[in-house]
Amino acid sequence: MKNISKTIIITGSNKGIGYTTLKRISSRNPKFNFIMAVRSIENGEKALSELSQSVEGIKERVKIAQLDISDSKSIDNFVEWVSKNYGKVDALINNAGMAFKGDAFGADVVATTFKTNYYGTIELTEKMKNLINDNGKIVIIGSSAGKLSRLTSEELKNRFTDPNLTKEGLDLLAKEFYDRVVDNTYLEKGWPRNSYGMSKLCINTYARLLGKDEEILKRNIQVYVCCPGWCRTDMAGPNAPLSADDGAITPTYLIELPWEINKDLQGQFFYECKVASL
């Protein structure tokens, strides 16, 4: 592993779990190269300068690129930049995400949260699929906040776990949550008052569907989703029990798994480096 050269994209990697994941993987794998996909180039440069204090030679192994996954034009520009400058890469770590502070809830909160955590993540992934090398990896940073136990409707749980669920069907579930918030029937229909958790339930589920995609399987591309744990980051706040460094352990574990599909792990949700139930 230490002598293998790979190129890995990490979104939202100027801070939080994205930053510590870049730090951990790069320090353990000195031949890996990275693309820091960040909304602000300036913030990316500051983060890379900080990282260079602890990871020797890291500046020679990292390129910074602008990417806002809530903006389709930004996604298109990024994908075009990757194609032009790299041709293909070996792995995509979908880390970028957002959450409102406190008890914010409502249709606008749901729409904004899903735009990044669900729709933006999927749009980037779908547009990047062809630029990932055969035997590559897609790792999504999901969350245990997006567990099926959040739903109070057995019918909804069954729809999420239906083995015949399609990407289109998942999109309908995401839209249904938004619509029920708009008409204020979400609680009686079995949805929780939690926009972040539902965006993560949907993206956790997307990983399962993507892991079964015929083209993904044919090209031996691994797909995983993981919860880094509740970590002290700008997004999660200062009261979390784990450090941001702790949050990098599982994403790093998944990147360091052998570069071939294990059917028992493909598309699965991981917590603390183990397959966990949704």
C-alpha atoms as a PDB file:
ATOM      1  CA  MET A   1       0.000   0.000   0.000  1.00  0.00           C
ATOM      2  CA  LYS A   2       2.739   2.480   0.899  1.00  0.00           C
ATOM      3  CA  ASN A   3       4.284   2.299  -2.586  1.00  0.00           C
ATOM      4  CA  ILE A   4       1.072   2.554  -4.601  1.00  0.00           C
ATOM      5  CA  SER A   5       0.398   5.867  -6.319  1.00  0.00           C
ATOM      6  CA  LYS A   6      -3.235   7.021  -6.307  1.00  0.00           C
ATOM      7  CA  THR A   7      -5.034  10.307  -6.924  1.00  0.00           C
ATOM      8  CA  ILE A   8      -7.892  11.096  -4.553  1.00  0.00           C
ATOM      9  CA  ILE A   9     -10.450  13.907  -4.559  1.00  0.00           C
ATOM     10  CA  ILE A  10     -11.724  15.059  -1.155  1.00  0.00           C
ATOM     11  CA  THR A  11     -14.547  17.595  -1.192  1.00  0.00           C
ATOM     12  CA  GLY A  12     -14.846  20.194   1.563  1.00  0.00           C
ATOM     13  CA  SER A  13     -11.305  19.389   2.669  1.00  0.00           C
ATOM     14  CA  ASN A  14     -10.175  22.767   3.994  1.00  0.00           C
ATOM     15  CA  LYS A  15     -11.646  22.064   7.449  1.00  0.00           C
ATOM     16  CA  GLY A  16     -13.423  19.528   9.634  1.00  0.00           C
ATOM     17  CA  ILE A  17     -13.594  15.855   8.701  1.00  0.00           C
ATOM     18  CA  GLY A  18     -12.450  16.554   5.142  1.00  0.00           C
ATOM     19  CA  TYR A  19      -9.279  18.224   6.374  1.00  0.00           C
ATOM     20  CA  THR A  20      -8.425  15.560   8.943  1.00  0.00           C
ATOM     21  CA  THR A  21      -9.148  12.815   6.388  1.00  0.00           C
ATOM     22  CA  LEU A  22      -6.713  14.466   3.967  1.00  0.00           C
ATOM     23  CA  LYS A  23      -4.181  14.755   6.788  1.00  0.00           C
ATOM     24  CA  ARG A  24      -4.515  11.142   7.896  1.00  0.00           C
ATOM     25  CA  ILE A  25      -4.529   9.517   4.458  1.00  0.00           C
ATOM     26  CA  SER A  26      -1.658  11.660   3.145  1.00  0.00           C
ATOM     27  CA  SER A  27       0.546  11.027   6.178  1.00  0.00           C
ATOM     28  CA  ARG A  28      -0.025   7.253   5.988  1.00  0.00           C
ATOM     29  CA  ASN A  29       0.290   6.974   2.189  1.00  0.00           C
ATOM     30  CA  PRO A  30       3.238   9.085   1.008  1.00  0.00           C
ATOM     31  CA  LYS A  31       2.732   8.275  -2.693  1.00  0.00           C
ATOM     32  CA  PHE A  32      -0.925   9.357  -2.814  1.00  0.00           C
ATOM     33  CA  ASN A  33      -1.795  12.630  -4.543  1.00  0.00           C
ATOM     34  CA  PHE A  34      -4.849  14.706  -3.704  1.00  0.00           C
ATOM     35  CA  ILE A  35      -7.286  17.236  -5.082  1.00  0.00           C
ATOM     36  CA  MET A  36      -8.648  19.561  -2.410  1.00  0.00           C
ATOM     37  CA  ALA A  37     -12.083  20.477  -3.748  1.00  0.00           C
ATOM     38  CA  VAL A  38     -13.132  23.565  -1.789  1.00  0.00           C
ATOM     39  CA  ARG A  39     -15.586  26.443  -2.144  1.00  0.00           C
ATOM     40  CA  SER A  40     -12.880  29.010  -1.435  1.00  0.00           C
ATOM     41  CA  ILE A  41      -9.424  28.682  -3.004  1.00  0.00           C
ATOM     42  CA  GLU A  42      -8.098  31.098  -0.376  1.00  0.00           C
ATOM     43  CA  ASN A  43      -9.343  28.912   2.465  1.00  0.00           C
ATOM     44  CA  GLY A  44      -7.886  25.881   0.722  1.00  0.00           C
ATOM     45  CA  GLU A  45      -4.485  27.534   0.497  1.00  0.00           C
ATOM     46  CA  LYS A  46      -4.575  28.412   4.193  1.00  0.00           C
ATOM     47  CA  ALA A  47      -5.510  24.832   5.083  1.00  0.00           C
ATOM     48  CA  LEU A  48      -2.753  23.396   2.891  1.00  0.00           C
ATOM     49  CA  SER A  49      -0.204  25.729   4.467  1.00  0.00           C
ATOM     50  CA  GLU A  50      -1.300  24.514   7.900  1.00  0.00           C
ATOM     51  CA  LEU A  51      -1.172  20.879   6.772  1.00  0.00           C
ATOM     52  CA  SER A  52       2.386  21.340   5.502  1.00  0.00           C
ATOM     53  CA  GLN A  53       3.477  21.886   9.118  1.00  0.00           C
ATOM     54  CA  SER A  54       2.631  18.266   9.957  1.00  0.00           C
ATOM     55  CA  VAL A  55       2.859  16.353   6.654  1.00  0.00           C
ATOM     56  CA  GLU A  56       6.234  16.728   4.968  1.00  0.00           C
ATOM     57  CA  GLY A  57       6.161  17.473   1.243  1.00  0.00           C
ATOM     58  CA  ILE A  58       2.372  17.636   1.138  1.00  0.00           C
ATOM     59  CA  LYS A  59       2.285  20.782  -1.001  1.00  0.00           C
ATOM     60  CA  GLU A  60       3.841  18.841  -3.887  1.00  0.00           C
ATOM     61  CA  ARG A  61       1.091  16.220  -3.650  1.00  0.00           C
ATOM     62  CA  VAL A  62      -1.979  18.472  -3.460  1.00  0.00           C
ATOM     63  CA  LYS A  63      -3.790  20.576  -6.039  1.00  0.00           C
ATOM     64  CA  ILE A  64      -6.574  22.931  -4.946  1.00  0.00           C
ATOM     65  CA  ALA A  65      -9.704  23.308  -7.078  1.00  0.00           C
ATOM     66  CA  GLN A  66     -12.854  25.363  -6.605  1.00  0.00           C
ATOM     67  CA  LEU A  67     -16.053  23.385  -6.069  1.00  0.00           C
ATOM     68  CA  ASP A  68     -19.425  24.289  -4.591  1.00  0.00           C
ATOM     69  CA  ILE A  69     -21.580  21.162  -4.755  1.00  0.00           C
ATOM     70  CA  SER A  70     -24.767  23.197  -4.332  1.00  0.00           C
ATOM     71  CA  ASP A  71     -24.044  24.888  -7.691  1.00  0.00           C
ATOM     72  CA  SER A  72     -24.409  22.869 -10.919  1.00  0.00           C
ATOM     73  CA  LYS A  73     -22.186  25.247 -12.884  1.00  0.00           C
ATOM     74  CA  SER A  74     -19.434  24.865 -10.288  1.00  0.00           C
ATOM     75  CA  ILE A  75     -19.763  21.076 -10.497  1.00  0.00           C
ATOM     76  CA  ASP A  76     -19.513  21.176 -14.292  1.00  0.00           C
ATOM     77  CA  ASN A  77     -16.439  23.416 -14.153  1.00  0.00           C
ATOM     78  CA  PHE A  78     -14.790  21.130 -11.610  1.00  0.00           C
ATOM     79  CA  VAL A  79     -15.472  17.947 -13.594  1.00  0.00           C
ATOM     80  CA  GLU A  80     -14.110  19.619 -16.727  1.00  0.00           C
ATOM     81  CA  TRP A  81     -10.996  20.731 -14.800  1.00  0.00           C
ATOM     82  CA  VAL A  82     -10.392  17.202 -13.488  1.00  0.00           C
ATOM     83  CA  SER A  83     -10.831  15.720 -16.953  1.00  0.00           C
ATOM     84  CA  LYS A  84      -8.455  18.247 -18.542  1.00  0.00           C
ATOM     85  CA  ASN A  85      -5.754  18.089 -15.869  1.00  0.00           C
ATOM     86  CA  TYR A  86      -5.912  14.453 -14.739  1.00  0.00           C
ATOM     87  CA  GLY A  87      -7.942  12.482 -17.231  1.00  0.00           C
ATOM     88  CA  LYS A  88      -9.040  10.130 -14.476  1.00  0.00           C
ATOM     89  CA  VAL A  89      -8.654   9.789 -10.709  1.00  0.00           C
ATOM     90  CA  ASP A  90      -8.700   6.787  -8.394  1.00  0.00           C
ATOM     91  CA  ALA A  91     -11.126   7.850  -5.676  1.00  0.00           C
ATOM     92  CA  LEU A  92     -13.755  10.411  -4.779  1.00  0.00           C
ATOM     93  CA  ILE A  93     -14.443  11.142  -1.118  1.00  0.00           C
ATOM     94  CA  ASN A  94     -17.739  13.025  -0.884  1.00  0.00           C
ATOM     95  CA  ASN A  95     -17.251  14.892   2.367  1.00  0.00           C
ATOM     96  CA  ALA A  96     -18.755  18.339   1.673  1.00  0.00           C
ATOM     97  CA  GLY A  97     -21.991  18.900   3.556  1.00  0.00           C
ATOM     98  CA  MET A  98     -23.900  21.410   5.634  1.00  0.00           C
ATOM     99  CA  ALA A  99     -26.235  21.647   8.603  1.00  0.00           C
ATOM    100  CA  PHE A 100     -28.196  24.492  10.110  1.00  0.00           C
ATOM    101  CA  LYS A 101     -27.372  25.391  13.689  1.00  0.00           C
ATOM    102  CA  GLY A 102     -29.829  24.806  16.508  1.00  0.00           C
ATOM    103  CA  ASP A 103     -33.475  23.959  15.952  1.00  0.00           C
ATOM    104  CA  ALA A 104     -33.936  25.508  12.498  1.00  0.00           C
ATOM    105  CA  PHE A 105     -36.628  23.713  10.510  1.00  0.00           C
ATOM    106  CA  GLY A 106     -39.054  24.400   7.689  1.00  0.00           C
ATOM    107  CA  ALA A 107     -39.401  24.066   3.937  1.00  0.00           C
ATOM    108  CA  ASP A 108     -36.519  26.456   3.193  1.00  0.00           C
ATOM    109  CA  VAL A 109     -34.239  24.662   5.657  1.00  0.00           C
ATOM    110  CA  VAL A 110     -35.096  21.282   4.100  1.00  0.00           C
ATOM    111  CA  ALA A 111     -34.556  22.601   0.560  1.00  0.00           C
ATOM    112  CA  THR A 112     -31.176  24.161   1.382  1.00  0.00           C
ATOM    113  CA  THR A 113     -29.957  21.129   3.340  1.00  0.00           C
ATOM    114  CA  PHE A 114     -30.947  18.654   0.638  1.00  0.00           C
ATOM    115  CA  LYS A 115     -29.489  20.843  -2.119  1.00  0.00           C
ATOM    116  CA  THR A 116     -26.003  20.203  -0.722  1.00  0.00           C
ATOM    117  CA  ASN A 117     -26.175  16.960   1.230  1.00  0.00           C
ATOM    118  CA  TYR A 118     -28.311  14.992  -1.215  1.00  0.00           C
ATOM    119  CA  TYR A 119     -28.797  16.517  -4.654  1.00  0.00           C
ATOM    120  CA  GLY A 120     -25.363  18.165  -4.892  1.00  0.00           C
ATOM    121  CA  THR A 121     -23.501  15.100  -3.670  1.00  0.00           C
ATOM    122  CA  ILE A 122     -25.348  12.903  -6.148  1.00  0.00           C
ATOM    123  CA  GLU A 123     -24.888  15.334  -9.044  1.00  0.00           C
ATOM    124  CA  LEU A 124     -21.139  15.461  -8.467  1.00  0.00           C
ATOM    125  CA  THR A 125     -20.913  11.679  -8.108  1.00  0.00           C
ATOM    126  CA  GLU A 126     -22.917  10.955 -11.253  1.00  0.00           C
ATOM    127  CA  LYS A 127     -20.891  13.456 -13.303  1.00  0.00           C
ATOM    128  CA  MET A 128     -17.593  12.100 -11.907  1.00  0.00           C
ATOM    129  CA  LYS A 129     -18.345   8.392 -12.354  1.00  0.00           C
ATOM    130  CA  ASN A 130     -16.732   8.119 -15.775  1.00  0.00           C
ATOM    131  CA  LEU A 131     -13.612   9.918 -14.524  1.00  0.00           C
ATOM    132  CA  ILE A 132     -12.933   7.339 -11.819  1.00  0.00           C
ATOM    133  CA  ASN A 133     -10.488   4.634 -12.835  1.00  0.00           C
ATOM    134  CA  ASP A 134     -11.539   1.002 -12.967  1.00  0.00           C
ATOM    135  CA  ASN A 135     -10.851  -0.534  -9.529  1.00  0.00           C
ATOM    136  CA  GLY A 136     -11.423   2.906  -7.982  1.00  0.00           C
ATOM    137  CA  LYS A 137     -13.481   3.984  -4.981  1.00  0.00           C
ATOM    138  CA  ILE A 138     -16.355   6.282  -4.063  1.00  0.00           C
ATOM    139  CA  VAL A 139     -16.621   7.031  -0.341  1.00  0.00           C
ATOM    140  CA  ILE A 140     -19.519   9.117   0.944  1.00  0.00           C
ATOM    141  CA  ILE A 141     -19.476  10.729   4.367  1.00  0.00           C
ATOM    142  CA  GLY A 142     -22.946   9.938   5.625  1.00  0.00           C
ATOM    143  CA  SER A 143     -24.238  10.027   9.179  1.00  0.00           C
ATOM    144  CA  SER A 144     -25.853   7.931  11.880  1.00  0.00           C
ATOM    145  CA  ALA A 145     -28.314  10.827  12.110  1.00  0.00           C
ATOM    146  CA  GLY A 146     -29.771   9.304   8.948  1.00  0.00           C
ATOM    147  CA  LYS A 147     -30.969   6.009  10.386  1.00  0.00           C
ATOM    148  CA  LEU A 148     -34.237   4.301   9.586  1.00  0.00           C
ATOM    149  CA  SER A 149     -35.191   4.423  13.269  1.00  0.00           C
ATOM    150  CA  ARG A 150     -35.871   8.153  12.778  1.00  0.00           C
ATOM    151  CA  LEU A 151     -38.941   7.199  10.758  1.00  0.00           C
ATOM    152  CA  THR A 152     -42.118   6.337  12.661  1.00  0.00           C
ATOM    153  CA  SER A 153     -43.870   4.819   9.634  1.00  0.00           C
ATOM    154  CA  GLU A 154     -43.205   1.170   8.814  1.00  0.00           C
ATOM    155  CA  GLU A 155     -44.411   1.845   5.279  1.00  0.00           C
ATOM    156  CA  LEU A 156     -41.713   4.511   4.830  1.00  0.00           C
ATOM    157  CA  LYS A 157     -39.066   2.216   6.291  1.00  0.00           C
ATOM    158  CA  ASN A 158     -40.092  -0.507   3.855  1.00  0.00           C
ATOM    159  CA  ARG A 159     -39.862   1.876   0.911  1.00  0.00           C
ATOM    160  CA  PHE A 160     -36.326   2.920   1.884  1.00  0.00           C
ATOM    161  CA  THR A 161     -35.196  -0.699   2.299  1.00  0.00           C
ATOM    162  CA  ASP A 162     -37.049  -2.104  -0.732  1.00  0.00           C
ATOM    163  CA  PRO A 163     -34.469  -4.166  -2.677  1.00  0.00           C
ATOM    164  CA  ASN A 164     -36.075  -2.905  -5.899  1.00  0.00           C
ATOM    165  CA  LEU A 165     -35.748   0.778  -4.950  1.00  0.00           C
ATOM    166  CA  THR A 166     -34.329   2.850  -7.805  1.00  0.00           C
ATOM    167  CA  LYS A 167     -32.566   6.204  -7.872  1.00  0.00           C
ATOM    168  CA  GLU A 168     -35.816   7.704  -9.222  1.00  0.00           C
ATOM    169  CA  GLY A 169     -37.744   6.142  -6.353  1.00  0.00           C
ATOM    170  CA  LEU A 170     -35.276   7.584  -3.852  1.00  0.00           C
ATOM    171  CA  ASP A 171     -35.676  11.023  -5.427  1.00  0.00           C
ATOM    172  CA  LEU A 172     -39.433  10.658  -4.933  1.00  0.00           C
ATOM    173  CA  LEU A 173     -38.901   9.877  -1.242  1.00  0.00           C
ATOM    174  CA  ALA A 174     -36.711  12.958  -0.864  1.00  0.00           C
ATOM    175  CA  LYS A 175     -39.333  15.118  -2.579  1.00  0.00           C
ATOM    176  CA  GLU A 176     -42.079  13.560  -0.474  1.00  0.00           C
ATOM    177  CA  PHE A 177     -40.324  14.615   2.735  1.00  0.00           C
ATOM    178  CA  TYR A 178     -40.087  18.192   1.430  1.00  0.00           C
ATOM    179  CA  ASP A 179     -43.748  18.182   0.329  1.00  0.00           C
ATOM    180  CA  ARG A 180     -44.923  16.902   3.711  1.00  0.00           C
ATOM    181  CA  VAL A 181     -42.949  19.660   5.439  1.00  0.00           C
ATOM    182  CA  VAL A 182     -44.557  22.221   3.112  1.00  0.00           C
ATOM    183  CA  ASP A 183     -48.082  21.041   3.933  1.00  0.00           C
ATOM    184  CA  ASN A 184     -47.138  20.370   7.587  1.00  0.00           C
ATOM    185  CA  THR A 185     -48.206  16.720   7.572  1.00  0.00           C
ATOM    186  CA  TYR A 186     -44.689  15.289   7.969  1.00  0.00           C
ATOM    187  CA  LEU A 187     -45.162  14.046  11.548  1.00  0.00           C
ATOM    188  CA  GLU A 188     -48.449  12.250  10.881  1.00  0.00           C
ATOM    189  CA  LYS A 189     -46.939  10.694   7.751  1.00  0.00           C
ATOM    190  CA  GLY A 190     -44.022   9.253   9.746  1.00  0.00           C
ATOM    191  CA  TRP A 191     -41.247  11.758   9.000  1.00  0.00           C
ATOM    192  CA  PRO A 192     -39.184  13.379  11.785  1.00  0.00           C
ATOM    193  CA  ARG A 193     -38.570  17.083  12.370  1.00  0.00           C
ATOM    194  CA  ASN A 194     -35.001  16.739  11.149  1.00  0.00           C
ATOM    195  CA  SER A 195     -33.814  18.048   7.786  1.00  0.00           C
ATOM    196  CA  TYR A 196     -30.158  17.047   8.257  1.00  0.00           C
ATOM    197  CA  GLY A 197     -31.010  13.505   9.369  1.00  0.00           C
ATOM    198  CA  MET A 198     -33.347  12.947   6.422  1.00  0.00           C
ATOM    199  CA  SER A 199     -30.802  14.305   3.932  1.00  0.00           C
ATOM    200  CA  LYS A 200     -28.318  11.802   5.335  1.00  0.00           C
ATOM    201  CA  LEU A 201     -30.818   8.919   5.314  1.00  0.00           C
ATOM    202  CA  CYS A 202     -31.331   9.624   1.620  1.00  0.00           C
ATOM    203  CA  ILE A 203     -27.605   9.834   0.851  1.00  0.00           C
ATOM    204  CA  ASN A 204     -26.884   6.729   2.965  1.00  0.00           C
ATOM    205  CA  THR A 205     -29.489   4.929   0.847  1.00  0.00           C
ATOM    206  CA  TYR A 206     -28.064   6.297  -2.404  1.00  0.00           C
ATOM    207  CA  ALA A 207     -24.742   4.602  -1.604  1.00  0.00           C
ATOM    208  CA  ARG A 208     -26.513   1.248  -1.427  1.00  0.00           C
ATOM    209  CA  LEU A 209     -28.129   1.824  -4.818  1.00  0.00           C
ATOM    210  CA  LEU A 210     -24.902   3.071  -6.409  1.00  0.00           C
ATOM    211  CA  GLY A 211     -23.046   0.032  -5.095  1.00  0.00           C
ATOM    212  CA  LYS A 212     -25.406  -2.181  -7.135  1.00  0.00           C
ATOM    213  CA  ASP A 213     -25.151  -0.136 -10.339  1.00  0.00           C
ATOM    214  CA  GLU A 214     -24.214  -2.418 -13.257  1.00  0.00           C
ATOM    215  CA  GLU A 215     -21.589  -0.068 -14.686  1.00  0.00           C
ATOM    216  CA  ILE A 216     -20.010   0.451 -11.241  1.00  0.00           C
ATOM    217  CA  LEU A 217     -19.810  -3.306 -10.691  1.00  0.00           C
ATOM    218  CA  LYS A 218     -18.504  -3.983 -14.191  1.00  0.00           C
ATOM    219  CA  ARG A 219     -15.688  -1.504 -13.621  1.00  0.00           C
ATOM    220  CA  ASN A 220     -14.947  -2.887 -10.121  1.00  0.00           C
ATOM    221  CA  ILE A 221     -15.523   0.474  -8.407  1.00  0.00           C
ATOM    222  CA  GLN A 222     -16.062   0.193  -4.668  1.00  0.00           C
ATOM    223  CA  VAL A 223     -18.802   2.264  -3.030  1.00  0.00           C
ATOM    224  CA  TYR A 224     -19.095   2.932   0.705  1.00  0.00           C
ATOM    225  CA  VAL A 225     -20.867   5.346   3.009  1.00  0.00           C
ATOM    226  CA  CYS A 226     -19.695   5.980   6.545  1.00  0.00           C
ATOM    227  CA  CYS A 227     -20.465   7.918   9.692  1.00  0.00           C
ATOM    228  CA  PRO A 228     -17.330   9.580  11.078  1.00  0.00           C
ATOM    229  CA  GLY A 229     -18.976   9.865  14.514  1.00  0.00           C
ATOM    230  CA  TRP A 230     -20.056  12.981  16.374  1.00  0.00           C
ATOM    231  CA  CYS A 231     -16.908  15.066  16.162  1.00  0.00           C
ATOM    232  CA  ARG A 232     -15.882  18.548  17.269  1.00  0.00           C
ATOM    233  CA  THR A 233     -16.060  20.517  14.016  1.00  0.00           C
ATOM    234  CA  ASP A 234     -17.497  23.867  12.957  1.00  0.00           C
ATOM    235  CA  MET A 235     -20.583  22.041  11.732  1.00  0.00           C
ATOM    236  CA  ALA A 236     -21.155  19.733  14.717  1.00  0.00           C
ATOM    237  CA  GLY A 237     -20.095  22.159  17.433  1.00  0.00           C
ATOM    238  CA  PRO A 238     -17.685  22.077  20.391  1.00  0.00           C
ATOM    239  CA  ASN A 239     -19.618  19.665  22.625  1.00  0.00           C
ATOM    240  CA  ALA A 240     -19.127  16.515  20.569  1.00  0.00           C
ATOM    241  CA  PRO A 241     -17.262  13.651  22.293  1.00  0.00           C
ATOM    242  CA  LEU A 242     -14.831  12.914  19.436  1.00  0.00           C
ATOM    243  CA  SER A 243     -12.111  15.029  17.864  1.00  0.00           C
ATOM    244  CA  ALA A 244     -12.055  15.847  14.160  1.00  0.00           C
ATOM    245  CA  ASP A 245      -8.991  13.583  13.923  1.00  0.00           C
ATOM    246  CA  ASP A 246     -11.098  10.707  15.268  1.00  0.00           C
ATOM    247  CA  GLY A 247     -13.588  11.343  12.476  1.00  0.00           C
ATOM    248  CA  ALA A 248     -10.948  10.584   9.838  1.00  0.00           C
ATOM    249  CA  ILE A 249     -10.335   7.020  11.017  1.00  0.00           C
ATOM    250  CA  THR A 250     -13.200   5.280   9.180  1.00  0.00           C
ATOM    251  CA  PRO A 251     -12.860   7.155   5.851  1.00  0.00           C
ATOM    252  CA  THR A 252      -9.130   6.342   5.892  1.00  0.00           C
ATOM    253  CA  TYR A 253      -9.876   2.692   6.668  1.00  0.00           C
ATOM    254  CA  LEU A 254     -12.165   2.505   3.621  1.00  0.00           C
ATOM    255  CA  ILE A 255      -9.600   4.110   1.313  1.00  0.00           C
ATOM    256  CA  GLU A 256      -6.965   1.676   2.566  1.00  0.00           C
ATOM    257  CA  LEU A 257      -9.067  -1.439   1.954  1.00  0.00           C
ATOM    258  CA  PRO A 258      -7.775  -3.579  -0.947  1.00  0.00           C
ATOM    259  CA  TRP A 259      -8.649  -1.979  -4.287  1.00  0.00           C
ATOM    260  CA  GLU A 260     -11.154  -4.625  -5.359  1.00  0.00           C
ATOM    261  CA  ILE A 261     -14.833  -5.128  -4.605  1.00  0.00           C
ATOM    262  CA  ASN A 262     -15.778  -7.264  -1.622  1.00  0.00           C
ATOM    263  CA  LYS A 263     -19.445  -8.100  -2.243  1.00  0.00           C
ATOM    264  CA  ASP A 264     -20.139  -8.245   1.507  1.00  0.00           C
ATOM    265  CA  LEU A 265     -18.941  -4.651   1.922  1.00  0.00           C
ATOM    266  CA  GLN A 266     -20.091  -3.034  -1.322  1.00  0.00           C
ATOM    267  CA  GLY A 267     -22.593  -0.204  -0.809  1.00  0.00           C
ATOM    268  CA  GLN A 268     -22.627  -0.738   2.948  1.00  0.00           C
ATOM    269  CA  PHE A 269     -22.855   1.799   5.762  1.00  0.00           C
ATOM    270  CA  PHE A 270     -19.806   1.838   8.050  1.00  0.00           C
ATOM    271  CA  TYR A 271     -19.372   3.073  11.598  1.00  0.00           C
ATOM    272  CA  GLU A 272     -16.143   2.668  13.567  1.00  0.00           C
ATOM    273  CA  CYS A 273     -14.616   0.735  10.646  1.00  0.00           C
ATOM    274  CA  LYS A 274     -17.357  -1.893  10.708  1.00  0.00           C
ATOM    275  CA  VAL A 275     -20.500  -2.485   8.688  1.00  0.00           C
ATOM    276  CA  ALA A 276     -23.448  -1.106  10.665  1.00  0.00           C
ATOM    277  CA  SER A 277     -27.188  -1.306  10.109  1.00  0.00           C
ATOM    278  CA  LEU A 278     -29.203   1.662   8.952  1.00  0.00           C
END
